[in-house]
């Protein structure tokens, strides 16, 4: 049988295929292929007293000095730093540098003052700025908080429909700024259309600006509606998160509209100081009674600016289903 196979001659057209084995492979260089099989030793954590020399075989770490790597990390937001820490052990230990998290905490809680923040991190978080960033309730400034609300509106009888009703859907939008200001808008438009207007107050776009303060996990916000009869909108919110450190939910605890005298407000600054100590049903203008709204108190969901283009899908549907189940 073997002699029969050896006696068979290959056809002439197979010759050109046999030459392919001697042709060198021409392609793009892939230097990262040389790292396969190399076991990367763990990098000593930041502040370690270990002085043993260590040669990192990773290509990016050989080409990029630690100083430049730290400079890149210092320009990232804290949420991007959390994602970058999952790349490798060296990045994880580098990102744990307290300088990165100290600047993030001082910027986020700048209304409390640097001295107060230093006292808090020493007394409550064992001197760890990263632990303070994760466990201390905070407001996120890299996106918008959105609340979807619905109500039933009675329609006009027409055709064969005698008792029509309409389910009206509208959204509340909140964007908090780090300087103690916030932007507020009510609209039926989706997040993608509203996000481009939530950068400054605008009467044309019905975007209003107010002041807020945060105490532990609660937010007190006050907004002044200008017009023939000035009206204050007082909002109380509670910060929570679906996971530790997420802070991606705001529970609407109170929503009150009340009147205010023209003599009490000379400008838009210092509104929080004016309403400090007011009762919930207190009004300073008899023409504008205090009204505590009990409807439309759906929780706010945080939407980052990166997710604005594809956000109207599952998050708001889940909230809508939750609201219907609570009503039933």
Protein backbone atom coordinates (compact mmCIF):
# COMPACT_ATOMS: atom_id res chain seq x y z
CA UNK A 1 0.00 0.00 0.00
CA UNK A 2 2.87 2.35 0.86
CA UNK A 3 4.60 1.55 -2.42
CA UNK A 4 1.40 2.39 -4.29
CA UNK A 5 1.23 5.86 -2.64
CA UNK A 6 4.90 6.63 -3.36
CA UNK A 7 4.49 5.69 -7.00
CA UNK A 8 1.74 8.29 -7.52
CA UNK A 9 3.10 11.51 -9.06
CA UNK A 10 1.66 14.92 -8.15
CA UNK A 11 -0.03 16.90 -10.88
CA UNK A 12 1.95 19.80 -12.40
CA UNK A 13 -0.42 22.49 -11.06
CA UNK A 14 0.56 21.61 -7.45
CA UNK A 15 4.02 23.05 -7.95
CA UNK A 16 3.04 26.64 -7.39
CA UNK A 17 1.46 25.76 -4.01
CA UNK A 18 4.64 24.04 -2.84
CA UNK A 19 6.58 27.28 -3.36
CA UNK A 20 4.42 29.06 -0.77
CA UNK A 21 6.19 27.24 2.07
CA UNK A 22 9.47 28.96 1.25
CA UNK A 23 8.03 32.47 0.94
CA UNK A 24 8.62 34.52 4.14
CA UNK A 25 5.49 35.88 5.83
CA UNK A 26 5.05 39.60 5.16
CA UNK A 27 2.81 41.43 7.65
CA UNK A 28 2.64 44.12 10.31
CA UNK A 29 4.89 43.77 13.32
CA UNK A 30 3.15 42.78 16.53
CA UNK A 31 5.58 43.39 19.41
CA UNK A 32 2.98 42.46 22.02
CA UNK A 33 3.18 38.87 20.83
CA UNK A 34 6.57 38.68 22.54
CA UNK A 35 4.85 39.17 25.89
CA UNK A 36 2.91 35.90 25.64
CA UNK A 37 4.20 33.46 28.20
CA UNK A 38 5.88 36.14 30.32
CA UNK A 39 4.56 36.18 33.85
CA UNK A 40 4.36 39.74 35.11
CA UNK A 41 5.41 39.99 38.71
CA UNK A 42 3.21 42.08 40.97
CA UNK A 43 4.30 45.68 41.37
CA UNK A 44 4.92 46.93 44.89
CA UNK A 45 2.03 49.07 46.15
CA UNK A 46 2.39 52.83 46.39
CA UNK A 47 4.47 53.79 49.40
CA UNK A 48 6.02 50.35 49.82
CA UNK A 49 9.42 50.16 51.52
CA UNK A 50 10.58 47.45 49.12
CA UNK A 51 13.79 48.44 47.29
CA UNK A 52 14.38 45.31 45.23
CA UNK A 53 15.08 46.08 41.55
CA UNK A 54 12.33 45.05 39.21
CA UNK A 55 12.31 45.07 35.42
CA UNK A 56 8.77 45.28 34.08
CA UNK A 57 8.53 43.26 30.83
CA UNK A 58 5.35 45.04 29.67
CA UNK A 59 6.02 47.04 26.51
CA UNK A 60 3.99 50.13 27.52
CA UNK A 61 5.76 50.33 30.88
CA UNK A 62 9.18 50.09 29.25
CA UNK A 63 8.40 52.92 26.83
CA UNK A 64 6.34 55.15 29.15
CA UNK A 65 8.04 56.48 32.31
CA UNK A 66 6.16 56.35 35.59
CA UNK A 67 6.08 60.16 35.74
CA UNK A 68 4.23 60.41 32.43
CA UNK A 69 1.91 57.58 33.41
CA UNK A 70 1.00 59.42 36.59
CA UNK A 71 0.47 62.62 34.59
CA UNK A 72 -1.98 60.80 32.33
CA UNK A 73 -3.89 59.45 35.32
CA UNK A 74 -4.05 62.89 36.94
CA UNK A 75 -6.02 64.18 33.93
CA UNK A 76 -8.65 61.43 34.17
CA UNK A 77 -11.94 61.68 36.01
CA UNK A 78 -12.38 59.41 39.06
CA UNK A 79 -14.82 57.17 37.19
CA UNK A 80 -12.35 56.68 34.34
CA UNK A 81 -9.65 55.94 36.91
CA UNK A 82 -11.81 53.14 38.28
CA UNK A 83 -11.99 51.59 34.82
CA UNK A 84 -8.26 52.03 34.21
CA UNK A 85 -7.47 50.30 37.50
CA UNK A 86 -8.85 47.07 36.00
CA UNK A 87 -6.24 46.97 33.22
CA UNK A 88 -3.28 45.55 35.15
CA UNK A 89 -1.76 45.42 38.61
CA UNK A 90 0.73 48.20 37.96
CA UNK A 91 -2.02 50.60 36.93
CA UNK A 92 -4.13 49.54 39.90
CA UNK A 93 -1.36 50.30 42.38
CA UNK A 94 -0.44 53.55 40.62
CA UNK A 95 -4.03 54.75 40.64
CA UNK A 96 -4.20 54.18 44.40
CA UNK A 97 -1.88 57.13 44.84
CA UNK A 98 -3.65 59.34 47.41
CA UNK A 99 -2.76 62.50 45.47
CA UNK A 100 -5.18 61.52 42.70
CA UNK A 101 -8.09 60.91 45.07
CA UNK A 102 -7.33 63.91 47.26
CA UNK A 103 -7.72 66.31 44.35
CA UNK A 104 -10.96 64.59 43.32
CA UNK A 105 -12.42 64.82 46.85
CA UNK A 106 -11.44 68.44 47.37
CA UNK A 107 -13.00 69.40 44.06
CA UNK A 108 -16.23 67.47 44.69
CA UNK A 109 -16.75 68.77 48.24
CA UNK A 110 -15.28 72.22 47.72
CA UNK A 111 -18.35 73.82 49.31
CA UNK A 112 -17.38 72.24 52.64
CA UNK A 113 -13.92 73.76 52.55
CA UNK A 114 -10.50 72.12 52.50
CA UNK A 115 -10.08 72.15 56.28
CA UNK A 116 -13.42 70.43 56.88
CA UNK A 117 -12.62 67.78 54.31
CA UNK A 118 -9.26 67.06 55.94
CA UNK A 119 -10.96 66.61 59.30
CA UNK A 120 -13.57 64.28 57.80
CA UNK A 121 -11.05 62.07 56.03
CA UNK A 122 -9.00 61.69 59.21
CA UNK A 123 -11.91 61.04 61.57
CA UNK A 124 -14.25 58.93 59.43
CA UNK A 125 -12.19 57.31 56.67
CA UNK A 126 -8.86 56.51 58.38
CA UNK A 127 -7.00 59.10 56.32
CA UNK A 128 -7.83 57.40 52.99
CA UNK A 129 -9.04 59.80 50.31
CA UNK A 130 -9.99 56.89 48.06
CA UNK A 131 -12.17 55.37 50.78
CA UNK A 132 -13.77 58.77 51.31
CA UNK A 133 -14.55 59.04 47.60
CA UNK A 134 -16.20 55.60 47.55
CA UNK A 135 -18.20 55.65 50.78
CA UNK A 136 -19.13 59.29 51.35
CA UNK A 137 -22.42 60.35 49.66
CA UNK A 138 -21.77 62.84 46.90
CA UNK A 139 -23.39 64.46 43.90
CA UNK A 140 -22.14 63.50 40.49
CA UNK A 141 -21.24 66.38 38.17
CA UNK A 142 -20.41 64.42 35.02
CA UNK A 143 -24.00 64.01 33.84
CA UNK A 144 -27.68 64.73 34.42
CA UNK A 145 -30.24 63.33 36.86
CA UNK A 146 -33.50 62.47 35.08
CA UNK A 147 -36.91 61.64 36.54
CA UNK A 148 -39.74 60.26 34.43
CA UNK A 149 -43.26 61.13 35.58
CA UNK A 150 -46.72 60.42 34.19
CA UNK A 151 -50.27 61.55 34.85
CA UNK A 152 -53.68 60.79 33.36
CA UNK A 153 -55.43 63.57 31.43
CA UNK A 154 -59.11 63.41 30.51
CA UNK A 155 -59.69 63.78 26.80
CA UNK A 156 -62.57 64.99 24.63
CA UNK A 157 -65.12 62.49 23.36
CA UNK A 158 -64.86 61.92 19.63
CA UNK A 159 -65.83 59.26 17.13
CA UNK A 160 -66.87 56.15 19.02
CA UNK A 161 -64.70 56.85 22.07
CA UNK A 162 -66.90 58.32 24.79
CA UNK A 163 -64.52 58.53 27.75
CA UNK A 164 -60.98 58.96 26.39
CA UNK A 165 -58.02 59.41 28.70
CA UNK A 166 -54.44 60.23 27.84
CA UNK A 167 -51.30 59.11 29.63
CA UNK A 168 -49.02 62.16 29.61
CA UNK A 169 -45.31 61.61 30.14
CA UNK A 170 -42.84 64.33 31.08
CA UNK A 171 -39.31 64.48 32.50
CA UNK A 172 -37.58 66.45 35.22
CA UNK A 173 -33.91 67.22 34.61
CA UNK A 174 -31.34 68.21 37.22
CA UNK A 175 -27.71 69.06 36.68
CA UNK A 176 -25.57 69.95 39.69
CA UNK A 177 -22.50 72.14 39.37
CA UNK A 178 -19.53 72.05 41.72
CA UNK A 179 -19.93 75.73 42.72
CA UNK A 180 -23.21 75.19 44.59
CA UNK A 181 -25.52 75.93 41.63
CA UNK A 182 -27.85 73.60 39.81
CA UNK A 183 -29.91 73.69 36.59
CA UNK A 184 -33.53 72.56 36.45
CA UNK A 185 -35.81 71.87 33.51
CA UNK A 186 -39.19 70.20 32.94
CA UNK A 187 -39.79 68.97 29.44
CA UNK A 188 -41.37 66.20 27.39
CA UNK A 189 -38.23 65.95 25.26
CA UNK A 190 -35.84 63.05 25.57
CA UNK A 191 -32.46 63.24 27.25
CA UNK A 192 -30.54 63.56 24.00
CA UNK A 193 -32.36 66.77 23.02
CA UNK A 194 -32.25 68.33 26.50
CA UNK A 195 -28.60 67.60 27.37
CA UNK A 196 -27.27 70.25 24.97
CA UNK A 197 -29.26 72.95 26.79
CA UNK A 198 -28.21 71.92 30.32
CA UNK A 199 -25.06 74.02 30.36
CA UNK A 200 -26.42 77.40 31.50
CA UNK A 201 -29.66 79.04 32.53
CA UNK A 202 -31.84 80.15 29.63
CA UNK A 203 -35.36 81.56 29.68
CA UNK A 204 -35.81 80.68 26.02
CA UNK A 205 -35.16 77.01 26.73
CA UNK A 206 -36.92 77.11 30.15
CA UNK A 207 -33.73 76.16 31.99
CA UNK A 208 -33.66 77.69 35.48
CA UNK A 209 -30.77 78.06 37.91
CA UNK A 210 -30.85 77.68 41.68
CA UNK A 211 -28.71 77.03 44.75
CA UNK A 212 -28.22 73.83 46.68
CA UNK A 213 -26.46 72.55 49.77
CA UNK A 214 -25.68 69.00 50.84
CA UNK A 215 -25.72 67.62 54.39
CA UNK A 216 -24.62 64.01 54.71
CA UNK A 217 -26.90 62.21 52.23
CA UNK A 218 -29.59 64.89 51.79
CA UNK A 219 -29.74 67.81 49.37
CA UNK A 220 -31.65 71.04 49.96
CA UNK A 221 -32.23 72.95 46.72
CA UNK A 222 -34.04 76.23 46.14
CA UNK A 223 -35.06 77.71 42.80
CA UNK A 224 -36.55 81.14 42.10
CA UNK A 225 -39.08 81.53 39.29
CA UNK A 226 -39.08 85.10 38.06
CA UNK A 227 -42.29 86.71 36.86
CA UNK A 228 -45.12 88.96 37.99
CA UNK A 229 -45.41 86.87 41.17
CA UNK A 230 -42.11 85.42 42.24
CA UNK A 231 -42.32 81.78 43.30
CA UNK A 232 -39.81 79.60 45.10
CA UNK A 233 -39.41 75.93 44.32
CA UNK A 234 -37.98 74.05 47.31
CA UNK A 235 -36.67 70.55 46.72
CA UNK A 236 -35.33 68.00 49.17
CA UNK A 237 -33.49 64.96 47.81
CA UNK A 238 -31.74 61.93 49.26
CA UNK A 239 -28.66 60.45 47.63
CA UNK A 240 -28.34 56.71 47.20
CA UNK A 241 -26.78 54.25 44.79
CA UNK A 242 -27.46 50.87 43.25
CA UNK A 243 -23.90 49.86 44.21
CA UNK A 244 -21.31 51.16 46.66
CA UNK A 245 -20.02 54.52 45.49
CA UNK A 246 -22.39 54.77 42.51
CA UNK A 247 -24.55 57.68 43.80
CA UNK A 248 -26.72 57.27 40.71
CA UNK A 249 -30.15 57.72 42.33
CA UNK A 250 -31.92 60.66 43.96
CA UNK A 251 -35.09 60.11 45.95
CA UNK A 252 -37.42 63.10 45.81
CA UNK A 253 -38.52 63.61 49.41
CA UNK A 254 -40.21 67.00 49.15
CA UNK A 255 -41.34 69.34 46.40
CA UNK A 256 -42.92 72.61 47.58
CA UNK A 257 -43.83 75.81 45.74
CA UNK A 258 -44.24 78.90 47.87
CA UNK A 259 -44.41 82.66 47.53
CA UNK A 260 -41.81 85.25 48.49
CA UNK A 261 -41.88 89.03 48.85
CA UNK A 262 -39.99 91.24 46.44
CA UNK A 263 -38.30 93.02 49.33
CA UNK A 264 -36.72 89.79 50.57
CA UNK A 265 -34.85 89.06 47.36
CA UNK A 266 -32.71 91.76 45.81
CA UNK A 267 -30.80 89.38 43.55
CA UNK A 268 -30.55 85.67 42.84
CA UNK A 269 -27.69 85.14 45.29
CA UNK A 270 -28.30 83.95 48.82
CA UNK A 271 -31.66 82.25 48.25
CA UNK A 272 -30.76 79.43 50.63
CA UNK A 273 -30.16 81.91 53.46
CA UNK A 274 -33.58 83.48 52.91
CA UNK A 275 -35.58 80.25 53.20
CA UNK A 276 -33.49 78.88 56.06
CA UNK A 277 -35.77 78.16 58.98
CA UNK A 278 -38.99 78.28 56.96
CA UNK A 279 -41.72 75.79 57.69
CA UNK A 280 -42.88 73.44 54.94
CA UNK A 281 -46.22 75.24 54.47
CA UNK A 282 -44.84 78.75 55.02
CA UNK A 283 -45.32 81.48 52.42
CA UNK A 284 -44.44 85.16 52.46
CA UNK A 285 -46.84 86.17 49.71
CA UNK A 286 -50.58 85.64 50.30
CA UNK A 287 -51.21 85.60 46.55
CA UNK A 288 -48.96 82.53 46.18
CA UNK A 289 -49.93 79.87 48.74
CA UNK A 290 -47.55 77.12 49.74
CA UNK A 291 -48.36 73.89 47.90
CA UNK A 292 -46.72 70.59 48.76
CA UNK A 293 -46.81 68.40 45.67
CA UNK A 294 -47.55 64.73 46.31
CA UNK A 295 -47.54 63.54 42.71
CA UNK A 296 -44.70 63.34 40.24
CA UNK A 297 -42.16 62.26 42.87
CA UNK A 298 -40.43 59.56 40.86
CA UNK A 299 -36.75 59.01 41.74
CA UNK A 300 -34.04 60.56 39.62
CA UNK A 301 -31.72 58.33 37.61
CA UNK A 302 -28.22 59.51 36.79
CA UNK A 303 -27.24 59.65 33.12
CA UNK A 304 -23.63 60.40 32.27
CA UNK A 305 -22.85 62.54 29.24
CA UNK A 306 -21.25 59.51 27.59
CA UNK A 307 -24.58 57.64 27.68
CA UNK A 308 -26.84 60.46 26.53
CA UNK A 309 -27.03 59.30 22.89
CA UNK A 310 -28.52 55.86 23.73
CA UNK A 311 -30.13 56.30 27.11
CA UNK A 312 -33.89 56.10 26.54
CA UNK A 313 -34.16 52.34 26.82
CA UNK A 314 -34.12 50.11 29.84
CA UNK A 315 -33.48 52.47 32.77
CA UNK A 316 -36.63 54.54 32.42
CA UNK A 317 -38.74 51.54 31.52
CA UNK A 318 -37.73 49.91 34.82
CA UNK A 319 -38.69 53.05 36.74
CA UNK A 320 -42.00 53.32 34.91
CA UNK A 321 -42.86 49.71 35.73
CA UNK A 322 -41.90 50.31 39.35
CA UNK A 323 -44.21 53.33 39.57
CA UNK A 324 -47.14 51.42 38.11
CA UNK A 325 -46.60 48.55 40.56
CA UNK A 326 -46.55 50.98 43.48
CA UNK A 327 -49.79 52.61 42.34
CA UNK A 328 -51.46 49.22 42.06
